[in-house]
Amino acid sequence: MRIVDEWLPVKDWPTAAVLEWHQDAPVPYHWTYDSFPGARDFRGTSRCSCSLCVFASKRDLLLAIARRPRLAALYAEVEHARGDSFRPDWRISDLIEQSRLPTAPDPGIVLPDDGPDMDLLERQIRTALQQPPRKAVDLAARPASGPVCGGCAAASIAPDLPSQSF
């Protein structure tokens, strides 16, 4: 017997319905979906996950890079030190350059990432980069046409969905 639960019914709702639901929702609304904190306009990221998620759309990554430049620079440092790419089809260093173009999405806000947690993360990563890699670097050599993983559902999602998709 197989049981299937539907976890994301909101993904099929139009933007207006999602905004209306959030007026009295039992879960907090996160500003990352907006062009800037408090806008409540759904012109930010299309999904709320890790800032620099390998499954994010290119637009969401460009937005995250512009909003968190210190974190993006740290990713680029790892990419450069290890000789690997953020994804087989995108280098974080190239995405950082693209995030600076006039055609890139306006971040609305830039987070300084200047707290003790970010300082600690930076030290930990730089310490780890002094050690040899734990695995052979091979992602950068893979063709860009295939999925990053073994073909999971997330790998089949179109890479550049519009930010209004749910």
C-alpha atoms as a PDB file:
ATOM      1  CA  MET A   1       0.000   0.000   0.000  1.00  0.00           C
ATOM      2  CA  ARG A   2       1.267   3.496  -0.828  1.00  0.00           C
ATOM      3  CA  ILE A   3       0.135   6.703   0.867  1.00  0.00           C
ATOM      4  CA  VAL A   4       0.671  10.051  -0.845  1.00  0.00           C
ATOM      5  CA  ASP A   5       0.277  13.302   1.087  1.00  0.00           C
ATOM      6  CA  GLU A   6      -0.138  16.628  -0.674  1.00  0.00           C
ATOM      7  CA  TRP A   7       2.058  19.098   1.180  1.00  0.00           C
ATOM      8  CA  LEU A   8       1.942  22.157  -1.053  1.00  0.00           C
ATOM      9  CA  PRO A   9      -1.620  22.968  -2.099  1.00  0.00           C
ATOM     10  CA  VAL A  10      -0.655  26.655  -2.234  1.00  0.00           C
ATOM     11  CA  LYS A  11       1.582  26.015  -5.241  1.00  0.00           C
ATOM     12  CA  ASP A  12      -1.470  25.972  -7.516  1.00  0.00           C
ATOM     13  CA  TRP A  13      -3.080  29.101  -6.067  1.00  0.00           C
ATOM     14  CA  PRO A  14      -2.974  32.447  -7.880  1.00  0.00           C
ATOM     15  CA  THR A  15      -0.904  35.174  -6.204  1.00  0.00           C
ATOM     16  CA  ALA A  16      -3.989  37.074  -5.050  1.00  0.00           C
ATOM     17  CA  ALA A  17      -5.289  33.998  -3.207  1.00  0.00           C
ATOM     18  CA  VAL A  18      -1.945  33.474  -1.462  1.00  0.00           C
ATOM     19  CA  LEU A  19      -1.833  37.124  -0.372  1.00  0.00           C
ATOM     20  CA  GLU A  20      -5.408  36.916   0.917  1.00  0.00           C
ATOM     21  CA  TRP A  21      -4.657  33.696   2.818  1.00  0.00           C
ATOM     22  CA  HIS A  22      -1.646  35.328   4.485  1.00  0.00           C
ATOM     23  CA  GLN A  23      -3.835  38.062   5.996  1.00  0.00           C
ATOM     24  CA  ASP A  24      -5.013  35.644   8.709  1.00  0.00           C
ATOM     25  CA  ALA A  25      -2.601  32.755   8.215  1.00  0.00           C
ATOM     26  CA  PRO A  26      -1.372  30.757  11.208  1.00  0.00           C
ATOM     27  CA  VAL A  27       2.168  30.842   9.792  1.00  0.00           C
ATOM     28  CA  PRO A  28       4.355  33.925   9.619  1.00  0.00           C
ATOM     29  CA  TYR A  29       4.805  35.656   6.283  1.00  0.00           C
ATOM     30  CA  HIS A  30       8.453  36.055   5.227  1.00  0.00           C
ATOM     31  CA  TRP A  31       9.602  39.245   3.526  1.00  0.00           C
ATOM     32  CA  THR A  32      11.902  37.382   1.102  1.00  0.00           C
ATOM     33  CA  TYR A  33       8.889  36.953  -1.185  1.00  0.00           C
ATOM     34  CA  ASP A  34       8.706  40.740  -1.541  1.00  0.00           C
ATOM     35  CA  SER A  35      10.720  43.350  -3.366  1.00  0.00           C
ATOM     36  CA  PHE A  36      11.726  44.718   0.055  1.00  0.00           C
ATOM     37  CA  PRO A  37      10.682  44.004   3.668  1.00  0.00           C
ATOM     38  CA  GLY A  38       7.121  45.116   4.300  1.00  0.00           C
ATOM     39  CA  ALA A  39       6.116  45.561   0.638  1.00  0.00           C
ATOM     40  CA  ARG A  40       3.851  42.467   0.583  1.00  0.00           C
ATOM     41  CA  ASP A  41       3.971  42.572  -3.230  1.00  0.00           C
ATOM     42  CA  PHE A  42       5.349  39.092  -4.066  1.00  0.00           C
ATOM     43  CA  ARG A  43       8.052  40.564  -6.313  1.00  0.00           C
ATOM     44  CA  GLY A  44      10.936  38.932  -4.460  1.00  0.00           C
ATOM     45  CA  THR A  45      12.004  35.302  -4.483  1.00  0.00           C
ATOM     46  CA  SER A  46       9.650  32.674  -5.847  1.00  0.00           C
ATOM     47  CA  ARG A  47      10.422  30.240  -3.026  1.00  0.00           C
ATOM     48  CA  CYS A  48      11.695  30.531   0.521  1.00  0.00           C
ATOM     49  CA  SER A  49      14.608  28.191   1.093  1.00  0.00           C
ATOM     50  CA  CYS A  50      18.346  28.530   1.610  1.00  0.00           C
ATOM     51  CA  SER A  51      19.587  31.850   0.261  1.00  0.00           C
ATOM     52  CA  LEU A  52      21.837  30.253  -2.327  1.00  0.00           C
ATOM     53  CA  CYS A  53      19.996  27.007  -3.040  1.00  0.00           C
ATOM     54  CA  VAL A  54      21.245  24.860  -5.923  1.00  0.00           C
ATOM     55  CA  PHE A  55      17.601  24.201  -6.864  1.00  0.00           C
ATOM     56  CA  ALA A  56      16.672  27.898  -7.074  1.00  0.00           C
ATOM     57  CA  SER A  57      15.815  29.615 -10.339  1.00  0.00           C
ATOM     58  CA  LYS A  58      18.418  31.876 -11.863  1.00  0.00           C
ATOM     59  CA  ARG A  59      16.351  34.965 -10.975  1.00  0.00           C
ATOM     60  CA  ASP A  60      16.108  33.870  -7.326  1.00  0.00           C
ATOM     61  CA  LEU A  61      19.863  33.264  -7.204  1.00  0.00           C
ATOM     62  CA  LEU A  62      20.639  36.679  -8.686  1.00  0.00           C
ATOM     63  CA  LEU A  63      18.317  38.257  -6.135  1.00  0.00           C
ATOM     64  CA  ALA A  64      19.878  36.302  -3.245  1.00  0.00           C
ATOM     65  CA  ILE A  65      23.396  37.213  -4.377  1.00  0.00           C
ATOM     66  CA  ALA A  66      22.490  40.897  -4.482  1.00  0.00           C
ATOM     67  CA  ARG A  67      20.792  40.675  -1.075  1.00  0.00           C
ATOM     68  CA  ARG A  68      23.630  38.729   0.579  1.00  0.00           C
ATOM     69  CA  PRO A  69      26.877  39.725  -1.156  1.00  0.00           C
ATOM     70  CA  ARG A  70      29.137  38.598   1.699  1.00  0.00           C
ATOM     71  CA  LEU A  71      27.645  35.105   1.655  1.00  0.00           C
ATOM     72  CA  ALA A  72      27.902  34.961  -2.153  1.00  0.00           C
ATOM     73  CA  ALA A  73      31.551  36.037  -1.974  1.00  0.00           C
ATOM     74  CA  LEU A  74      32.198  33.203   0.481  1.00  0.00           C
ATOM     75  CA  TYR A  75      30.623  30.712  -1.940  1.00  0.00           C
ATOM     76  CA  ALA A  76      32.845  32.126  -4.692  1.00  0.00           C
ATOM     77  CA  GLU A  77      35.887  31.698  -2.455  1.00  0.00           C
ATOM     78  CA  VAL A  78      35.039  28.013  -1.963  1.00  0.00           C
ATOM     79  CA  GLU A  79      34.375  27.581  -5.680  1.00  0.00           C
ATOM     80  CA  HIS A  80      37.731  29.134  -6.548  1.00  0.00           C
ATOM     81  CA  ALA A  81      39.691  27.220  -3.887  1.00  0.00           C
ATOM     82  CA  ARG A  82      38.195  23.857  -4.792  1.00  0.00           C
ATOM     83  CA  GLY A  83      38.021  24.357  -8.574  1.00  0.00           C
ATOM     84  CA  ASP A  84      34.428  23.205  -8.670  1.00  0.00           C
ATOM     85  CA  SER A  85      31.251  25.029  -9.676  1.00  0.00           C
ATOM     86  CA  PHE A  86      28.172  25.978  -7.677  1.00  0.00           C
ATOM     87  CA  ARG A  87      26.149  23.868 -10.110  1.00  0.00           C
ATOM     88  CA  PRO A  88      27.302  22.040 -13.216  1.00  0.00           C
ATOM     89  CA  ASP A  89      25.593  24.693 -15.337  1.00  0.00           C
ATOM     90  CA  TRP A  90      26.382  27.835 -13.277  1.00  0.00           C
ATOM     91  CA  ARG A  91      29.459  29.139 -11.524  1.00  0.00           C
ATOM     92  CA  ILE A  92      28.707  31.364  -8.546  1.00  0.00           C
ATOM     93  CA  SER A  93      31.396  33.786  -9.726  1.00  0.00           C
ATOM     94  CA  ASP A  94      29.517  34.218 -13.042  1.00  0.00           C
ATOM     95  CA  LEU A  95      26.219  34.661 -11.210  1.00  0.00           C
ATOM     96  CA  ILE A  96      27.808  37.358  -9.020  1.00  0.00           C
ATOM     97  CA  GLU A  97      28.836  39.229 -12.181  1.00  0.00           C
ATOM     98  CA  GLN A  98      25.342  38.841 -13.638  1.00  0.00           C
ATOM     99  CA  SER A  99      23.777  40.123 -10.404  1.00  0.00           C
ATOM    100  CA  ARG A 100      25.546  43.453 -11.006  1.00  0.00           C
ATOM    101  CA  LEU A 101      24.072  43.980 -14.476  1.00  0.00           C
ATOM    102  CA  PRO A 102      21.263  46.519 -14.952  1.00  0.00           C
ATOM    103  CA  THR A 103      18.985  43.667 -16.105  1.00  0.00           C
ATOM    104  CA  ALA A 104      19.354  41.820 -12.779  1.00  0.00           C
ATOM    105  CA  PRO A 105      16.473  42.015 -10.280  1.00  0.00           C
ATOM    106  CA  ASP A 106      16.639  44.895  -7.805  1.00  0.00           C
ATOM    107  CA  PRO A 107      17.383  43.371  -4.382  1.00  0.00           C
ATOM    108  CA  GLY A 108      15.344  46.010  -2.544  1.00  0.00           C
ATOM    109  CA  ILE A 109      17.565  45.414   0.486  1.00  0.00           C
ATOM    110  CA  VAL A 110      21.167  44.361   1.045  1.00  0.00           C
ATOM    111  CA  LEU A 111      21.824  42.318   4.170  1.00  0.00           C
ATOM    112  CA  PRO A 112      25.234  43.077   5.661  1.00  0.00           C
ATOM    113  CA  ASP A 113      25.768  39.609   7.152  1.00  0.00           C
ATOM    114  CA  ASP A 114      28.046  41.284   9.676  1.00  0.00           C
ATOM    115  CA  GLY A 115      27.124  39.381  12.809  1.00  0.00           C
ATOM    116  CA  PRO A 116      29.097  36.853  14.851  1.00  0.00           C
ATOM    117  CA  ASP A 117      27.395  33.885  13.145  1.00  0.00           C
ATOM    118  CA  MET A 118      28.644  34.963   9.725  1.00  0.00           C
ATOM    119  CA  ASP A 119      32.115  35.690  11.113  1.00  0.00           C
ATOM    120  CA  LEU A 120      32.211  32.179  12.609  1.00  0.00           C
ATOM    121  CA  LEU A 121      31.000  30.598   9.359  1.00  0.00           C
ATOM    122  CA  GLU A 122      33.690  32.451   7.421  1.00  0.00           C
ATOM    123  CA  ARG A 123      36.421  31.254   9.808  1.00  0.00           C
ATOM    124  CA  GLN A 124      35.151  27.669   9.702  1.00  0.00           C
ATOM    125  CA  ILE A 125      35.078  27.623   5.904  1.00  0.00           C
ATOM    126  CA  ARG A 126      38.527  29.144   5.558  1.00  0.00           C
ATOM    127  CA  THR A 127      39.871  26.591   8.029  1.00  0.00           C
ATOM    128  CA  ALA A 128      38.240  23.757   6.081  1.00  0.00           C
ATOM    129  CA  LEU A 129      39.698  25.101   2.821  1.00  0.00           C
ATOM    130  CA  GLN A 130      43.178  24.595   4.290  1.00  0.00           C
ATOM    131  CA  GLN A 131      42.465  20.857   4.252  1.00  0.00           C
ATOM    132  CA  PRO A 132      42.427  18.701   1.115  1.00  0.00           C
ATOM    133  CA  PRO A 133      38.952  18.096  -0.361  1.00  0.00           C
ATOM    134  CA  ARG A 134      37.097  15.085   1.061  1.00  0.00           C
ATOM    135  CA  LYS A 135      36.027  13.979  -2.398  1.00  0.00           C
ATOM    136  CA  ALA A 136      37.277  14.334  -5.939  1.00  0.00           C
ATOM    137  CA  VAL A 137      36.121  17.476  -7.720  1.00  0.00           C
ATOM    138  CA  ASP A 138      34.050  16.404 -10.706  1.00  0.00           C
ATOM    139  CA  LEU A 139      30.906  18.523 -10.971  1.00  0.00           C
ATOM    140  CA  ALA A 140      32.606  21.181 -13.084  1.00  0.00           C
ATOM    141  CA  ALA A 141      33.478  18.534 -15.663  1.00  0.00           C
ATOM    142  CA  ARG A 142      29.885  17.331 -16.083  1.00  0.00           C
ATOM    143  CA  PRO A 143      27.800  18.543 -19.036  1.00  0.00           C
ATOM    144  CA  ALA A 144      25.341  21.306 -18.181  1.00  0.00           C
ATOM    145  CA  SER A 145      22.394  19.484 -19.771  1.00  0.00           C
ATOM    146  CA  GLY A 146      21.909  16.776 -17.127  1.00  0.00           C
ATOM    147  CA  PRO A 147      20.354  17.027 -13.664  1.00  0.00           C
ATOM    148  CA  VAL A 148      22.604  17.728 -10.680  1.00  0.00           C
ATOM    149  CA  CYS A 149      21.208  14.800  -8.731  1.00  0.00           C
ATOM    150  CA  GLY A 150      19.998  11.379  -9.784  1.00  0.00           C
ATOM    151  CA  GLY A 151      16.853  12.759 -11.404  1.00  0.00           C
ATOM    152  CA  CYS A 152      14.755  13.756  -8.390  1.00  0.00           C
ATOM    153  CA  ALA A 153      11.585  15.808  -8.856  1.00  0.00           C
ATOM    154  CA  ALA A 154      13.398  19.056  -8.048  1.00  0.00           C
ATOM    155  CA  ALA A 155      15.819  18.478 -10.928  1.00  0.00           C
ATOM    156  CA  SER A 156      12.973  18.395 -13.447  1.00  0.00           C
ATOM    157  CA  ILE A 157      11.648  21.843 -12.532  1.00  0.00           C
ATOM    158  CA  ALA A 158      12.310  24.510 -15.152  1.00  0.00           C
ATOM    159  CA  PRO A 159      15.354  26.558 -14.033  1.00  0.00           C
ATOM    160  CA  ASP A 160      13.893  29.997 -14.735  1.00  0.00           C
ATOM    161  CA  LEU A 161      10.294  30.005 -13.558  1.00  0.00           C
ATOM    162  CA  PRO A 162       8.781  33.476 -13.181  1.00  0.00           C
ATOM    163  CA  SER A 163       8.761  34.797  -9.627  1.00  0.00           C
ATOM    164  CA  GLN A 164       4.935  34.720  -9.565  1.00  0.00           C
ATOM    165  CA  SER A 165       4.838  30.894  -9.763  1.00  0.00           C
ATOM    166  CA  PHE A 166       3.667  28.919  -6.727  1.00  0.00           C
END
